[in-house]
Amino acid sequence: MHTMWKGTISFGLVNIPVKMHAATENKDVSLRQLHKECKSPIKYEKVCPVCEKEVGNDDIVKAYEYAKNKFVVLDEDDLAELKKEQEDKAVEIVDFVKLEDIDPIYFEKSYYLSPNEGGSKAYGLLRAALEETGKIGVAKMMIRSKEQLAVIRIYQNTLVVETIHYPDEVRDVKEVPNVPEKVETAKKEIDTAKMLIEQLTTEFEPEKYKDDYRTALLELIEEKKNQDQTTTAKDKPKPDNVTDLMDALQASLERAKKDKPKPKQPKKRKTTTTKKKAQ
């Protein structure tokens, strides 16, 4: 399993060298966009709207827009130094809380933790302490240039880091439109709804839930492949050297004709008349 991050988890005087691994993966079926006419993949370019030209990564800087079209440009060296200062810090568990005290809306992404060299004993200590107390640890850590609020808990005998949102990242529910304060509901309707819930109540078994759309999409793609309903992108036309050479020679000839100085016309001699002196 790929290691995404190496560091130290600490609580009190206990330091645990750990490695972090992604606990989940995106299984979405990625679809490319093709030009309808020639079936070639569409190319996206970074273009400056003012200069009207494509720019490369070396020509791009990062900035914060503090007002409309007003920016503070941030130097890459400053950002790298700031990131390093945070990453060098140990991940310290600052609080222990109950898992049920955190609403699921705060949870973001899961990562597995494994002990790094020499960390097995301390890893086992934290795992046992969390298991026996029924608590989870709250900590801060740097992941991909962002300081994350996180919780550390146990999942199937493995320590897991769950990144969670900061309170100001969770939108106020009061901003949700058209939510009724209170709706009068007949008791008979509530009893029927409760009965339905009871009938559908079961143990949570994640294995029985499937992504039906993804399965159907992959089946459709495989079916089209088997029926030879495929297409191949056209290669970019290669220049015809002979044609290009003739065009170049013709253009050079025409340019030479235009640039060739015109022959000078011979100057006409002026005719002079002399008056005879009177004898």
Protein backbone atom coordinates (compact mmCIF):
# COMPACT_ATOMS: atom_id res chain seq x y z
CA MET A 1 0.00 0.00 0.00
CA HIS A 2 1.43 3.38 -1.04
CA THR A 3 2.74 5.58 1.79
CA MET A 4 1.35 9.11 1.51
CA TRP A 5 2.97 10.64 4.58
CA LYS A 6 5.44 9.80 7.32
CA GLY A 7 5.50 11.49 10.70
CA THR A 8 4.98 11.18 14.40
CA ILE A 9 1.76 10.98 16.40
CA SER A 10 2.18 12.05 20.01
CA PHE A 11 0.01 12.13 23.11
CA GLY A 12 1.57 13.17 26.37
CA LEU A 13 5.13 11.83 26.39
CA VAL A 14 4.37 8.98 23.98
CA ASN A 15 5.66 9.38 20.40
CA ILE A 16 4.54 7.00 17.67
CA PRO A 17 6.40 7.00 14.32
CA VAL A 18 3.76 6.20 11.71
CA LYS A 19 3.09 5.92 8.00
CA MET A 20 -0.19 7.08 6.47
CA HIS A 21 -2.02 5.34 3.63
CA ALA A 22 -5.23 6.24 1.78
CA ALA A 23 -8.08 4.17 3.21
CA THR A 24 -10.51 4.80 0.35
CA GLU A 25 -10.31 5.14 -3.43
CA ASN A 26 -12.48 6.74 -6.08
CA LYS A 27 -14.09 4.11 -8.30
CA ASP A 28 -15.84 6.55 -10.65
CA VAL A 29 -15.65 5.59 -14.34
CA SER A 30 -13.68 8.35 -16.04
CA LEU A 31 -14.95 9.41 -19.47
CA ARG A 32 -12.89 11.42 -21.97
CA GLN A 33 -14.25 14.18 -24.19
CA LEU A 34 -13.62 13.74 -27.93
CA HIS A 35 -14.12 15.98 -30.93
CA LYS A 36 -17.34 14.68 -32.49
CA GLU A 37 -15.99 15.01 -36.03
CA CYS A 38 -12.60 13.25 -35.85
CA LYS A 39 -12.90 11.53 -32.43
CA SER A 40 -9.67 13.11 -31.14
CA PRO A 41 -9.34 13.89 -27.40
CA ILE A 42 -10.01 17.53 -26.59
CA LYS A 43 -6.95 19.44 -25.42
CA TYR A 44 -7.27 22.02 -22.66
CA GLU A 45 -4.77 24.85 -22.62
CA LYS A 46 -3.89 27.51 -20.07
CA VAL A 47 -4.35 30.78 -21.91
CA CYS A 48 -3.89 34.33 -20.65
CA PRO A 49 -7.04 36.27 -21.65
CA VAL A 50 -5.12 39.57 -21.87
CA CYS A 51 -2.01 38.45 -23.74
CA GLU A 52 -4.09 35.92 -25.72
CA LYS A 53 -1.34 33.33 -25.64
CA GLU A 54 -0.76 29.96 -24.01
CA VAL A 55 1.32 30.02 -20.81
CA GLY A 56 3.44 27.27 -19.30
CA ASN A 57 3.85 26.29 -15.66
CA ASP A 58 7.03 28.38 -15.38
CA ASP A 59 5.03 31.48 -16.32
CA ILE A 60 2.37 30.97 -13.62
CA VAL A 61 2.51 32.36 -10.08
CA LYS A 62 0.13 31.86 -7.15
CA ALA A 63 -1.83 34.75 -5.69
CA TYR A 64 -4.69 35.53 -3.32
CA GLU A 65 -7.52 37.69 -4.66
CA TYR A 66 -8.43 39.97 -1.74
CA ALA A 67 -10.74 42.18 -3.86
CA LYS A 68 -12.04 42.19 -7.43
CA ASN A 69 -8.93 41.95 -9.67
CA LYS A 70 -6.69 42.83 -6.71
CA PHE A 71 -4.10 40.20 -5.82
CA VAL A 72 -1.33 39.45 -3.35
CA VAL A 73 1.31 37.40 -5.19
CA LEU A 74 2.78 34.62 -3.04
CA ASP A 75 6.34 33.49 -3.70
CA GLU A 76 6.91 29.74 -4.06
CA ASP A 77 9.88 29.87 -1.66
CA ASP A 78 7.74 31.49 1.04
CA LEU A 79 5.01 28.88 0.61
CA ALA A 80 7.53 26.02 0.67
CA GLU A 81 9.13 27.34 3.87
CA LEU A 82 5.74 27.80 5.54
CA LYS A 83 4.71 24.28 4.53
CA LYS A 84 7.96 22.80 5.83
CA GLU A 85 7.56 24.54 9.21
CA GLN A 86 4.18 22.89 9.69
CA GLU A 87 5.12 19.47 8.33
CA ASP A 88 8.13 19.23 10.64
CA LYS A 89 5.85 19.44 13.66
CA ALA A 90 4.69 16.22 15.30
CA VAL A 91 0.97 15.48 15.09
CA GLU A 92 -0.12 16.02 18.67
CA ILE A 93 -3.38 14.66 20.03
CA VAL A 94 -4.76 17.60 21.97
CA ASP A 95 -8.10 16.18 23.16
CA PHE A 96 -9.93 12.90 23.61
CA VAL A 97 -13.68 12.80 22.92
CA LYS A 98 -16.46 10.32 22.23
CA LEU A 99 -17.04 9.42 18.58
CA GLU A 100 -20.79 9.98 18.93
CA ASP A 101 -20.13 13.60 19.97
CA ILE A 102 -19.03 14.45 16.40
CA ASP A 103 -21.77 14.81 13.80
CA PRO A 104 -21.01 12.92 10.54
CA ILE A 105 -21.23 16.21 8.59
CA TYR A 106 -17.75 17.05 9.88
CA PHE A 107 -16.06 13.94 8.49
CA GLU A 108 -14.11 14.28 5.24
CA LYS A 109 -11.59 11.55 4.31
CA SER A 110 -10.10 8.44 5.91
CA TYR A 111 -6.47 7.30 6.10
CA TYR A 112 -4.95 4.17 7.60
CA LEU A 113 -2.01 4.49 9.99
CA SER A 114 0.68 1.85 10.26
CA PRO A 115 3.65 1.94 12.64
CA ASN A 116 6.97 3.07 11.18
CA GLU A 117 10.27 1.53 12.27
CA GLY A 118 10.39 1.13 16.04
CA GLY A 119 6.81 2.29 16.52
CA SER A 120 4.95 -0.98 17.01
CA LYS A 121 4.91 -0.90 20.83
CA ALA A 122 3.70 2.72 21.07
CA TYR A 123 1.19 2.03 18.28
CA GLY A 124 -0.23 -0.89 20.26
CA LEU A 125 -0.33 1.22 23.42
CA LEU A 126 -2.46 3.95 21.83
CA ARG A 127 -4.72 1.40 20.17
CA ALA A 128 -5.34 -0.41 23.48
CA ALA A 129 -5.95 2.84 25.36
CA LEU A 130 -8.49 4.04 22.79
CA GLU A 131 -10.24 0.69 22.76
CA GLU A 132 -10.58 0.40 26.52
CA THR A 133 -11.71 4.00 27.07
CA GLY A 134 -14.02 4.13 24.04
CA LYS A 135 -12.55 7.52 23.11
CA ILE A 136 -11.03 9.00 19.95
CA GLY A 137 -8.17 11.51 19.72
CA VAL A 138 -8.50 14.99 18.20
CA ALA A 139 -5.37 16.34 16.47
CA LYS A 140 -4.04 18.75 13.84
CA MET A 141 -1.81 17.72 10.94
CA MET A 142 -0.53 18.98 7.58
CA ILE A 143 -1.76 17.09 4.51
CA ARG A 144 -1.10 18.40 1.00
CA SER A 145 -0.32 21.98 2.00
CA LYS A 146 -3.37 22.27 4.25
CA GLU A 147 -3.54 22.10 8.04
CA GLN A 148 -6.23 19.54 8.77
CA LEU A 149 -8.27 18.95 11.86
CA ALA A 150 -8.40 15.19 12.37
CA VAL A 151 -9.51 12.44 14.71
CA ILE A 152 -7.64 9.22 15.41
CA ARG A 153 -9.72 6.13 16.10
CA ILE A 154 -9.72 2.35 15.69
CA TYR A 155 -11.14 0.54 12.67
CA GLN A 156 -10.81 -3.26 12.61
CA ASN A 157 -7.70 -3.30 14.80
CA THR A 158 -6.03 -0.51 12.77
CA LEU A 159 -5.56 3.12 13.75
CA VAL A 160 -7.34 5.43 11.34
CA VAL A 161 -7.00 9.18 10.79
CA GLU A 162 -10.26 10.84 9.81
CA THR A 163 -9.81 14.38 8.53
CA ILE A 164 -12.70 16.56 9.63
CA HIS A 165 -13.90 20.01 8.64
CA TYR A 166 -13.31 23.06 10.78
CA PRO A 167 -16.53 24.60 12.12
CA ASP A 168 -16.28 27.58 9.74
CA GLU A 169 -16.13 25.15 6.80
CA VAL A 170 -19.55 23.74 7.63
CA ARG A 171 -22.23 26.03 6.25
CA ASP A 172 -24.91 27.36 8.55
CA VAL A 173 -28.11 25.34 8.18
CA LYS A 174 -30.04 28.59 8.44
CA GLU A 175 -28.86 29.37 4.91
CA VAL A 176 -30.77 26.37 3.52
CA PRO A 177 -33.89 27.75 1.79
CA ASN A 178 -37.51 26.65 2.30
CA VAL A 179 -36.95 24.45 5.36
CA PRO A 180 -40.25 24.40 7.31
CA GLU A 181 -40.03 25.12 11.03
CA LYS A 182 -42.83 22.75 11.99
CA VAL A 183 -45.31 20.70 9.98
CA GLU A 184 -48.54 19.40 11.44
CA THR A 185 -48.65 15.65 10.82
CA ALA A 186 -51.47 13.29 11.69
CA LYS A 187 -50.64 10.62 14.27
CA LYS A 188 -51.83 7.89 11.91
CA GLU A 189 -49.30 9.01 9.28
CA ILE A 190 -46.47 9.07 11.83
CA ASP A 191 -47.39 5.59 13.09
CA THR A 192 -47.39 4.26 9.51
CA ALA A 193 -43.98 5.82 8.82
CA LYS A 194 -42.58 4.35 12.05
CA MET A 195 -43.94 0.92 11.14
CA LEU A 196 -42.23 1.12 7.74
CA ILE A 197 -38.94 2.08 9.37
CA GLU A 198 -39.20 -0.87 11.73
CA GLN A 199 -39.81 -3.24 8.83
CA LEU A 200 -36.73 -1.97 6.97
CA THR A 201 -34.46 -1.86 10.03
CA THR A 202 -31.51 -4.28 9.82
CA GLU A 203 -27.82 -4.66 10.67
CA PHE A 204 -25.54 -2.49 8.55
CA GLU A 205 -23.75 -4.72 6.03
CA PRO A 206 -21.77 -2.49 3.65
CA GLU A 207 -20.96 -5.41 1.31
CA LYS A 208 -24.55 -5.63 0.11
CA TYR A 209 -24.61 -2.07 -1.26
CA LYS A 210 -23.41 -1.74 -4.87
CA ASP A 211 -22.93 1.14 -7.29
CA ASP A 212 -25.60 0.10 -9.81
CA TYR A 213 -24.87 2.97 -12.20
CA ARG A 214 -21.13 2.21 -12.39
CA THR A 215 -21.83 -1.50 -12.93
CA ALA A 216 -24.33 -0.76 -15.72
CA LEU A 217 -21.95 1.74 -17.35
CA LEU A 218 -19.04 -0.74 -17.38
CA GLU A 219 -21.35 -3.42 -18.82
CA LEU A 220 -22.45 -1.02 -21.57
CA ILE A 221 -18.83 -0.18 -22.42
CA GLU A 222 -17.87 -3.87 -22.54
CA GLU A 223 -20.89 -4.65 -24.73
CA LYS A 224 -19.93 -1.94 -27.23
CA LYS A 225 -16.34 -3.21 -27.27
CA ASN A 226 -17.53 -6.76 -28.04
CA GLN A 227 -19.77 -5.46 -30.83
CA ASP A 228 -16.80 -3.56 -32.29
CA GLN A 229 -18.52 -0.24 -31.67
CA THR A 230 -15.22 1.48 -31.04
CA THR A 231 -13.35 4.37 -32.56
CA THR A 232 -9.72 5.35 -32.93
CA ALA A 233 -8.52 8.92 -32.67
CA LYS A 234 -6.99 10.24 -35.86
CA ASP A 235 -3.30 11.04 -35.80
CA LYS A 236 -2.29 14.62 -36.31
CA PRO A 237 -1.57 15.07 -40.04
CA LYS A 238 2.12 14.97 -40.81
CA PRO A 239 3.40 17.69 -43.13
CA ASP A 240 4.05 16.63 -46.72
CA ASN A 241 7.71 17.52 -47.18
CA VAL A 242 7.46 17.72 -50.98
CA THR A 243 4.45 20.00 -50.91
CA ASP A 244 5.97 22.09 -48.16
CA LEU A 245 9.21 22.39 -50.11
CA MET A 246 7.41 23.50 -53.27
CA ASP A 247 5.36 25.99 -51.28
CA ALA A 248 8.49 27.32 -49.65
CA LEU A 249 10.30 27.64 -52.98
CA GLN A 250 7.32 29.37 -54.55
CA ALA A 251 7.04 31.77 -51.62
CA SER A 252 10.76 32.48 -51.76
CA LEU A 253 10.57 33.13 -55.50
CA GLU A 254 7.69 35.56 -55.11
CA ARG A 255 9.45 37.30 -52.25
CA ALA A 256 12.63 37.56 -54.31
CA LYS A 257 10.67 39.12 -57.16
CA LYS A 258 9.23 41.72 -54.81
CA ASP A 259 12.57 42.45 -53.18
CA LYS A 260 14.54 42.55 -56.45
CA PRO A 261 15.55 46.17 -57.17
CA LYS A 262 14.11 47.59 -60.36
CA PRO A 263 16.67 48.31 -63.13
CA LYS A 264 17.67 51.95 -63.30
CA GLN A 265 16.43 53.85 -66.32
CA PRO A 266 19.14 55.64 -68.27
CA LYS A 267 19.12 59.34 -67.63
CA LYS A 268 18.10 61.53 -70.51
CA ARG A 269 20.71 63.97 -71.61
CA LYS A 270 19.76 67.58 -71.43
CA THR A 271 19.99 69.42 -74.75
CA THR A 272 21.70 72.80 -74.63
CA THR A 273 21.43 75.49 -77.23
CA THR A 274 24.21 78.02 -77.82
CA LYS A 275 23.61 81.34 -79.37
CA LYS A 276 26.05 82.43 -81.99
CA LYS A 277 27.75 85.65 -81.28
CA ALA A 278 27.03 88.30 -83.77
CA GLN A 279 30.00 88.91 -86.08
